[in-house]
Amino acid sequence: MLLVHKRQISVALVALLANFTFFELGSAAEVAVPNEILRYATEGCNGAVLLAPPPGKQFAAPSVLRAGKVEGFYEKAARLNAVWTTSLKCTSTGLSHKLSPITATAQTTASHAARITPTANTSSNNNGLVSNNWSGYQISDSAQYTQAGWTLPTVVKPSPVYASNYFSSHWTGIGGGYSSGSGALVQAGTSAHLYGNTPDYYFWYEIVGGVGDTSSEQTFGPSLSPGDSVGAGATYTPPVPPATTGTTTLGVCNFSLSPATCSNLSLSTSAPGNSTEWIVEAPSSGGIPLAIADYGSLTFGNICWTSSYSGSGPPSSCSSVTDGTSVQSIDLVQYYFGMNQYVSIAGSLSTDGTSFPVNYQNPDH
């Protein structure tokens, strides 16, 4: 791939890269400064460029593990001495992750199977939301940084079967949620699908709306297998005048590879909307949500977000889900066996607000 000269880094991107190290860090590290960050052209990635530190360096100083402390995405990569990819060919899958709101009728008639009790979406809980494709949590804050980690689930056919192919995606992102306004949705995560009896596991990113819209998800990043420990981070840096568009940077890591392997790409985008999410999803094709795969259970952990990431210095803190405005769970309802049914349900937040499970629920038949 073509290596772009380091002096071509935009003002907005320099501001972003100057601000990677905002968690509790070790005392020594080989950290790349902004003017050292290497940029590599990509193929089929909507003009995105890969970012990588020089050999022997990392984007951030390695984290020092502390009980009860969230570990930063880039700091964890540094602690594991991750390798950052320097070549990338993206593939458009035709799948998309735009929110598909549910109708009021479907919500009120949806059936619960007996095994899992939803934590929201009942008449006694007005904070819960429902969707045809999302499940997890959103906050009504427009972050400039969000991250999460999880273990890639194994997907299997539901019993009884209700489709030929099954799909599940897992991600963190900014914008695009309920009542988030007209801003973009920027997101990165993993997918675990089942085409007949053949599974498919991969990393992806997507920009929905505005400048940089990718039309569908784009595969990128290192290889994946069920059981891998993964992480994802999304950053938005507002434009620096006279520029009129900001910069979104999306990073993914497979921490289970030896060595840990990560990809970090950047592209110009519109500002995201006023929401931040951590979602397990049935992606859509042609605007229609697909059948959710039986993914068992997935726990988002190491959750962190911040509303200010301007490059003027490290933010004072990185917030948990419970620090957000209007914290709302989302449950996924789809129509099977003649009725609307809850099939993917958000569990309760941890005490510190940095983790929560999402559980698949087989529909009644």
Protein backbone atom coordinates (compact mmCIF):
# COMPACT_ATOMS: atom_id res chain seq x y z
CA MET A 1 0.00 0.00 0.00
CA LEU A 2 1.05 3.59 -0.61
CA LEU A 3 2.58 5.30 2.39
CA VAL A 4 1.36 8.90 2.63
CA HIS A 5 3.97 11.37 3.92
CA LYS A 6 3.53 12.16 7.59
CA ARG A 7 3.47 15.95 6.98
CA GLN A 8 0.15 15.60 5.18
CA ILE A 9 -1.73 14.91 8.41
CA SER A 10 -4.64 17.31 8.76
CA VAL A 11 -4.92 19.81 11.61
CA ALA A 12 -7.96 17.96 12.96
CA LEU A 13 -6.15 14.63 12.88
CA VAL A 14 -3.11 16.05 14.64
CA ALA A 15 -5.44 17.29 17.37
CA LEU A 16 -6.96 13.83 17.65
CA LEU A 17 -3.67 11.96 17.77
CA ALA A 18 -2.26 14.34 20.35
CA ASN A 19 -4.92 13.21 22.76
CA PHE A 20 -4.76 9.42 22.78
CA THR A 21 -3.28 9.08 26.27
CA PHE A 22 -6.03 9.99 28.71
CA PHE A 23 -6.15 6.99 31.02
CA GLU A 24 -3.92 6.14 33.94
CA LEU A 25 -0.62 5.27 32.30
CA GLY A 26 2.68 3.66 33.04
CA SER A 27 5.81 5.67 33.76
CA ALA A 28 7.67 4.75 30.59
CA ALA A 29 6.62 4.04 27.04
CA GLU A 30 7.70 4.47 23.45
CA VAL A 31 4.77 6.67 22.36
CA ALA A 32 4.47 8.11 18.88
CA VAL A 33 4.00 11.87 18.76
CA PRO A 34 1.51 13.25 16.19
CA ASN A 35 4.08 14.14 13.53
CA GLU A 36 5.39 10.57 13.63
CA ILE A 37 2.05 8.88 12.94
CA LEU A 38 2.22 6.97 9.67
CA ARG A 39 -0.68 7.04 7.21
CA TYR A 40 -1.33 4.35 4.62
CA ALA A 41 -3.71 4.50 1.69
CA THR A 42 -6.46 1.87 1.62
CA GLU A 43 -8.35 0.09 -1.13
CA GLY A 44 -12.15 0.22 -1.29
CA CYS A 45 -12.50 1.99 2.07
CA ASN A 46 -14.32 5.18 0.99
CA GLY A 47 -11.21 7.31 1.19
CA ALA A 48 -10.25 6.18 4.69
CA VAL A 49 -6.56 5.99 5.59
CA LEU A 50 -4.90 3.55 7.95
CA LEU A 51 -3.00 5.05 10.88
CA ALA A 52 -0.07 3.30 12.51
CA PRO A 53 2.72 4.30 14.89
CA PRO A 54 6.33 3.90 13.75
CA PRO A 55 7.88 0.46 14.37
CA GLY A 56 8.62 -0.10 18.03
CA LYS A 57 6.15 2.56 19.20
CA GLN A 58 2.47 2.70 20.17
CA PHE A 59 -0.29 5.30 20.01
CA ALA A 60 -0.35 5.53 23.82
CA ALA A 61 1.63 4.55 26.87
CA PRO A 62 0.76 1.10 28.21
CA SER A 63 -1.89 0.94 30.88
CA VAL A 64 -1.20 -0.02 34.45
CA LEU A 65 -3.90 -2.46 35.49
CA ARG A 66 -5.80 -1.28 38.55
CA ALA A 67 -8.71 -3.08 40.21
CA GLY A 68 -11.95 -1.36 39.32
CA LYS A 69 -10.35 0.83 36.64
CA VAL A 70 -11.35 0.87 32.98
CA GLU A 71 -8.43 0.13 30.67
CA GLY A 72 -8.16 2.42 27.65
CA PHE A 73 -8.44 0.83 24.21
CA TYR A 74 -5.13 2.22 22.92
CA GLU A 75 -3.45 1.74 26.30
CA LYS A 76 -4.41 -1.94 26.35
CA ALA A 77 -3.01 -2.35 22.84
CA ALA A 78 0.23 -0.77 24.07
CA ARG A 79 0.37 -3.02 27.15
CA LEU A 80 0.08 -6.07 24.87
CA ASN A 81 2.60 -4.59 22.42
CA ALA A 82 0.05 -4.87 19.61
CA VAL A 83 0.95 -4.89 15.94
CA TRP A 84 -0.91 -2.24 13.90
CA THR A 85 -1.82 -3.21 10.34
CA THR A 86 -0.38 -1.13 7.50
CA SER A 87 -2.36 -2.43 4.53
CA LEU A 88 -6.10 -2.74 4.12
CA LYS A 89 -8.65 -3.70 1.48
CA CYS A 90 -12.24 -3.08 2.59
CA THR A 91 -15.20 -5.07 1.31
CA SER A 92 -18.77 -3.78 1.30
CA THR A 93 -21.12 -6.51 2.53
CA GLY A 94 -24.42 -4.76 1.78
CA LEU A 95 -25.41 -5.04 5.44
CA SER A 96 -26.21 -1.94 7.47
CA HIS A 97 -26.60 -1.03 11.14
CA LYS A 98 -28.97 1.92 11.03
CA LEU A 99 -31.56 1.88 13.81
CA SER A 100 -34.92 0.33 12.88
CA PRO A 101 -37.50 1.61 15.40
CA ILE A 102 -40.40 -0.64 16.26
CA THR A 103 -44.05 0.29 15.93
CA ALA A 104 -46.11 0.93 19.04
CA THR A 105 -48.43 -1.95 18.10
CA ALA A 106 -45.55 -4.42 17.85
CA GLN A 107 -44.23 -3.30 21.22
CA THR A 108 -47.52 -3.67 23.06
CA THR A 109 -48.26 -7.08 21.53
CA ALA A 110 -44.76 -8.55 21.86
CA SER A 111 -44.53 -11.85 23.71
CA HIS A 112 -41.92 -12.78 26.32
CA ALA A 113 -40.66 -16.34 26.57
CA ALA A 114 -40.35 -17.62 30.11
CA ARG A 115 -36.60 -18.06 30.44
CA ILE A 116 -35.44 -14.42 30.54
CA THR A 117 -37.23 -11.51 32.14
CA PRO A 118 -36.62 -8.24 30.26
CA THR A 119 -35.16 -5.44 32.35
CA ALA A 120 -37.12 -2.83 30.43
CA ASN A 121 -39.92 -2.28 27.93
CA THR A 122 -42.74 -3.08 30.32
CA SER A 123 -45.56 -0.74 31.22
CA SER A 124 -43.92 -0.12 34.60
CA ASN A 125 -40.60 0.99 33.09
CA ASN A 126 -40.72 4.04 30.85
CA ASN A 127 -36.96 4.20 30.32
CA GLY A 128 -36.74 1.09 28.13
CA LEU A 129 -36.78 1.20 24.33
CA VAL A 130 -37.50 -1.47 21.73
CA SER A 131 -36.22 -1.93 18.21
CA ASN A 132 -36.46 -4.32 15.28
CA ASN A 133 -32.68 -4.65 15.17
CA TRP A 134 -30.85 -3.16 18.20
CA SER A 135 -30.41 -4.41 21.76
CA GLY A 136 -28.14 -2.96 24.43
CA TYR A 137 -27.87 0.54 25.91
CA GLN A 138 -27.81 4.10 24.64
CA ILE A 139 -27.25 7.43 26.33
CA SER A 140 -28.46 10.77 25.00
CA ASP A 141 -24.99 12.30 24.85
CA SER A 142 -22.95 13.05 21.76
CA ALA A 143 -19.58 11.65 22.71
CA GLN A 144 -16.28 12.39 21.05
CA TYR A 145 -14.90 9.04 22.22
CA THR A 146 -16.41 5.66 23.08
CA GLN A 147 -14.97 2.21 23.62
CA ALA A 148 -15.90 -1.30 24.75
CA GLY A 149 -14.54 -4.83 24.85
CA TRP A 150 -16.22 -8.23 24.56
CA THR A 151 -15.63 -11.87 23.73
CA LEU A 152 -16.70 -12.86 20.22
CA PRO A 153 -19.60 -15.32 20.59
CA THR A 154 -20.16 -18.58 18.76
CA VAL A 155 -23.36 -18.49 16.72
CA VAL A 156 -25.60 -21.53 16.27
CA LYS A 157 -28.93 -22.22 14.62
CA PRO A 158 -31.96 -21.55 16.80
CA SER A 159 -34.19 -24.50 17.58
CA PRO A 160 -36.64 -24.65 15.95
CA VAL A 161 -35.19 -22.86 12.95
CA TYR A 162 -37.02 -19.82 11.61
CA ALA A 163 -34.79 -18.72 8.72
CA SER A 164 -32.13 -19.99 6.33
CA ASN A 165 -29.40 -17.61 7.50
CA TYR A 166 -28.82 -15.87 10.83
CA PHE A 167 -26.96 -12.70 11.77
CA SER A 168 -25.53 -10.89 14.78
CA SER A 169 -23.36 -7.79 15.08
CA HIS A 170 -21.76 -6.23 18.16
CA TRP A 171 -20.47 -2.69 18.30
CA THR A 172 -19.98 0.67 19.94
CA GLY A 173 -20.70 3.95 18.19
CA ILE A 174 -21.71 7.58 18.35
CA GLY A 175 -24.97 9.00 16.96
CA GLY A 176 -27.90 7.35 15.21
CA GLY A 177 -29.86 6.37 18.32
CA TYR A 178 -33.38 7.22 19.40
CA SER A 179 -34.04 11.00 19.48
CA SER A 180 -30.44 11.69 18.45
CA GLY A 181 -31.20 14.26 15.76
CA SER A 182 -29.94 14.36 12.19
CA GLY A 183 -26.24 13.74 12.83
CA ALA A 184 -24.26 10.82 11.49
CA LEU A 185 -23.78 7.40 13.08
CA VAL A 186 -20.13 6.31 13.32
CA GLN A 187 -19.49 2.78 14.57
CA ALA A 188 -17.11 -0.18 14.62
CA GLY A 189 -17.44 -3.73 15.86
CA THR A 190 -17.65 -7.43 15.03
CA SER A 191 -20.10 -9.73 13.30
CA ALA A 192 -20.92 -13.41 13.79
CA HIS A 193 -23.23 -14.78 11.10
CA LEU A 194 -24.40 -18.20 10.00
CA TYR A 195 -25.02 -18.84 6.30
CA GLY A 196 -26.71 -22.22 6.29
CA ASN A 197 -24.23 -24.21 8.34
CA THR A 198 -21.24 -21.99 7.55
CA PRO A 199 -20.22 -19.36 10.15
CA ASP A 200 -18.66 -16.03 9.22
CA TYR A 201 -16.76 -13.86 11.74
CA TYR A 202 -15.20 -10.47 10.97
CA PHE A 203 -14.55 -6.86 12.05
CA TRP A 204 -16.36 -4.00 10.30
CA TYR A 205 -17.03 -0.26 10.40
CA GLU A 206 -19.84 1.89 9.03
CA ILE A 207 -20.68 5.58 8.65
CA VAL A 208 -24.42 6.25 8.31
CA GLY A 209 -25.46 9.68 7.03
CA GLY A 210 -23.71 12.88 6.00
CA VAL A 211 -20.18 13.22 4.66
CA GLY A 212 -18.38 9.90 4.57
CA ASP A 213 -21.53 7.74 4.41
CA THR A 214 -20.34 4.25 3.46
CA SER A 215 -23.78 2.98 2.25
CA SER A 216 -23.19 -0.28 4.12
CA GLU A 217 -20.69 -1.83 6.52
CA GLN A 218 -17.10 -2.28 5.35
CA THR A 219 -15.08 -5.23 6.55
CA PHE A 220 -11.64 -4.41 7.93
CA GLY A 221 -9.21 -5.42 10.62
CA PRO A 222 -7.49 -8.60 11.77
CA SER A 223 -8.83 -12.14 11.60
CA LEU A 224 -11.39 -13.38 14.14
CA SER A 225 -12.45 -16.64 15.74
CA PRO A 226 -15.15 -17.41 18.32
CA GLY A 227 -13.88 -16.87 21.84
CA ASP A 228 -11.44 -14.12 20.86
CA SER A 229 -11.13 -11.13 23.19
CA VAL A 230 -11.78 -8.02 21.11
CA GLY A 231 -12.01 -4.27 21.57
CA ALA A 232 -13.33 -1.35 19.56
CA GLY A 233 -13.08 2.42 19.85
CA ALA A 234 -14.65 5.32 17.96
CA THR A 235 -13.42 8.91 18.08
CA TYR A 236 -14.84 12.06 16.50
CA THR A 237 -12.74 15.22 16.26
CA PRO A 238 -14.66 18.39 15.26
CA PRO A 239 -13.32 20.45 12.34
CA VAL A 240 -10.74 23.15 12.90
CA PRO A 241 -11.68 26.24 10.81
CA PRO A 242 -11.54 26.74 7.91
CA ALA A 243 -12.31 23.02 7.60
CA THR A 244 -16.03 22.20 7.63
CA THR A 245 -15.97 18.45 8.22
CA GLY A 246 -14.56 16.58 11.19
CA THR A 247 -12.50 13.42 11.46
CA THR A 248 -13.72 10.04 12.66
CA THR A 249 -11.15 7.45 13.76
CA LEU A 250 -12.24 3.85 14.26
CA GLY A 251 -10.03 1.24 15.89
CA VAL A 252 -10.45 -2.50 16.41
CA CYS A 253 -8.19 -5.05 18.09
CA ASN A 254 -8.06 -8.81 18.40
CA PHE A 255 -6.28 -9.13 21.71
CA SER A 256 -6.25 -12.95 21.51
CA LEU A 257 -3.90 -13.14 18.53
CA SER A 258 -0.19 -13.57 19.17
CA PRO A 259 0.85 -10.85 18.92
CA ALA A 260 -2.30 -8.83 19.51
CA THR A 261 -3.25 -7.25 16.19
CA CYS A 262 -5.15 -4.01 15.62
CA SER A 263 -6.35 -1.75 12.82
CA ASN A 264 -6.97 1.98 13.09
CA LEU A 265 -8.51 3.97 10.24
CA SER A 266 -9.51 7.59 9.81
CA LEU A 267 -11.84 9.43 7.43
CA SER A 268 -13.68 12.73 7.09
CA THR A 269 -17.27 12.66 8.36
CA SER A 270 -20.12 14.87 9.46
CA ALA A 271 -20.68 15.35 13.18
CA PRO A 272 -22.42 12.39 14.87
CA GLY A 273 -25.86 12.71 16.43
CA ASN A 274 -26.64 13.14 20.11
CA SER A 275 -26.38 9.56 21.34
CA THR A 276 -23.76 6.96 22.22
CA GLU A 277 -24.42 3.21 22.05
CA TRP A 278 -23.22 -0.29 22.92
CA ILE A 279 -25.28 -2.69 20.84
CA VAL A 280 -25.89 -6.32 19.87
CA GLU A 281 -27.82 -6.22 16.62
CA ALA A 282 -29.55 -8.06 13.83
CA PRO A 283 -28.14 -6.09 10.87
CA SER A 284 -30.33 -5.01 7.98
CA SER A 285 -30.27 -5.67 4.25
CA GLY A 286 -32.19 -3.31 2.01
CA GLY A 287 -33.54 -1.60 5.11
CA ILE A 288 -35.08 -4.82 6.46
CA PRO A 289 -33.68 -6.35 9.69
CA LEU A 290 -32.42 -9.90 9.22
CA ALA A 291 -33.04 -12.91 11.47
CA ILE A 292 -31.06 -12.67 14.69
CA ALA A 293 -28.59 -15.52 15.28
CA ASP A 294 -28.51 -17.49 18.50
CA TYR A 295 -25.37 -15.89 19.95
CA GLY A 296 -26.05 -17.10 23.50
CA SER A 297 -24.91 -14.22 25.68
CA LEU A 298 -22.46 -11.38 25.15
CA THR A 299 -21.12 -9.07 27.85
CA PHE A 300 -19.86 -5.62 26.98
CA GLY A 301 -17.09 -4.60 29.37
CA ASN A 302 -14.43 -1.93 29.73
CA ILE A 303 -17.06 0.62 28.65
CA CYS A 304 -15.97 4.23 28.62
CA TRP A 305 -16.99 7.44 26.84
CA THR A 306 -16.21 11.13 26.99
CA SER A 307 -18.04 14.14 25.57
CA SER A 308 -14.92 16.22 25.03
CA TYR A 309 -11.94 14.99 23.04
CA SER A 310 -10.75 18.13 21.27
CA GLY A 311 -7.00 17.63 21.40
CA SER A 312 -6.44 20.44 23.90
CA GLY A 313 -5.22 17.96 26.51
CA PRO A 314 -6.36 14.81 28.27
CA PRO A 315 -9.95 14.93 29.51
CA SER A 316 -10.30 14.82 33.27
CA SER A 317 -12.23 11.56 33.23
CA CYS A 318 -13.78 8.91 31.04
CA SER A 319 -17.39 8.26 31.98
CA SER A 320 -19.41 5.09 32.49
CA VAL A 321 -22.83 4.34 30.99
CA THR A 322 -24.54 5.41 34.21
CA ASP A 323 -22.89 8.84 33.96
CA GLY A 324 -24.79 9.48 30.74
CA THR A 325 -27.90 11.56 30.15
CA SER A 326 -31.13 9.56 29.85
CA VAL A 327 -29.63 6.07 30.13
CA GLN A 328 -31.95 3.72 28.25
CA SER A 329 -31.86 -0.01 27.61
CA ILE A 330 -32.97 -1.33 24.23
CA ASP A 331 -34.52 -4.75 23.60
CA LEU A 332 -34.88 -6.39 20.18
CA VAL A 333 -38.30 -7.60 18.98
CA GLN A 334 -38.84 -9.58 15.78
CA TYR A 335 -41.86 -11.36 14.27
CA TYR A 336 -41.70 -15.15 14.44
CA PHE A 337 -44.27 -17.93 14.56
CA GLY A 338 -47.17 -15.56 14.12
CA MET A 339 -46.27 -13.02 16.82
CA ASN A 340 -43.86 -10.24 17.78
CA GLN A 341 -41.34 -11.65 20.26
CA TYR A 342 -38.40 -10.42 22.33
CA VAL A 343 -35.32 -12.22 21.01
CA SER A 344 -32.36 -10.18 22.30
CA ILE A 345 -32.58 -8.58 25.72
CA ALA A 346 -30.30 -6.12 27.54
CA GLY A 347 -29.38 -7.16 31.08
CA SER A 348 -28.73 -4.92 34.05
CA LEU A 349 -25.79 -2.56 34.20
CA SER A 350 -22.98 -3.37 36.60
CA THR A 351 -22.75 -1.30 39.78
CA ASP A 352 -20.04 0.90 38.30
CA GLY A 353 -21.80 1.21 34.94
CA THR A 354 -18.91 -0.16 32.88
CA SER A 355 -20.40 -3.49 31.79
CA PHE A 356 -23.67 -5.27 31.04
CA PRO A 357 -24.82 -8.50 29.36
CA VAL A 358 -27.10 -8.91 26.35
CA ASN A 359 -28.89 -12.27 26.06
CA TYR A 360 -30.38 -14.13 23.13
CA GLN A 361 -33.83 -15.55 23.79
CA ASN A 362 -35.29 -18.25 21.59
CA PRO A 363 -38.78 -17.27 20.42
CA ASP A 364 -41.89 -19.21 21.44
CA HIS A 365 -43.43 -21.35 18.75
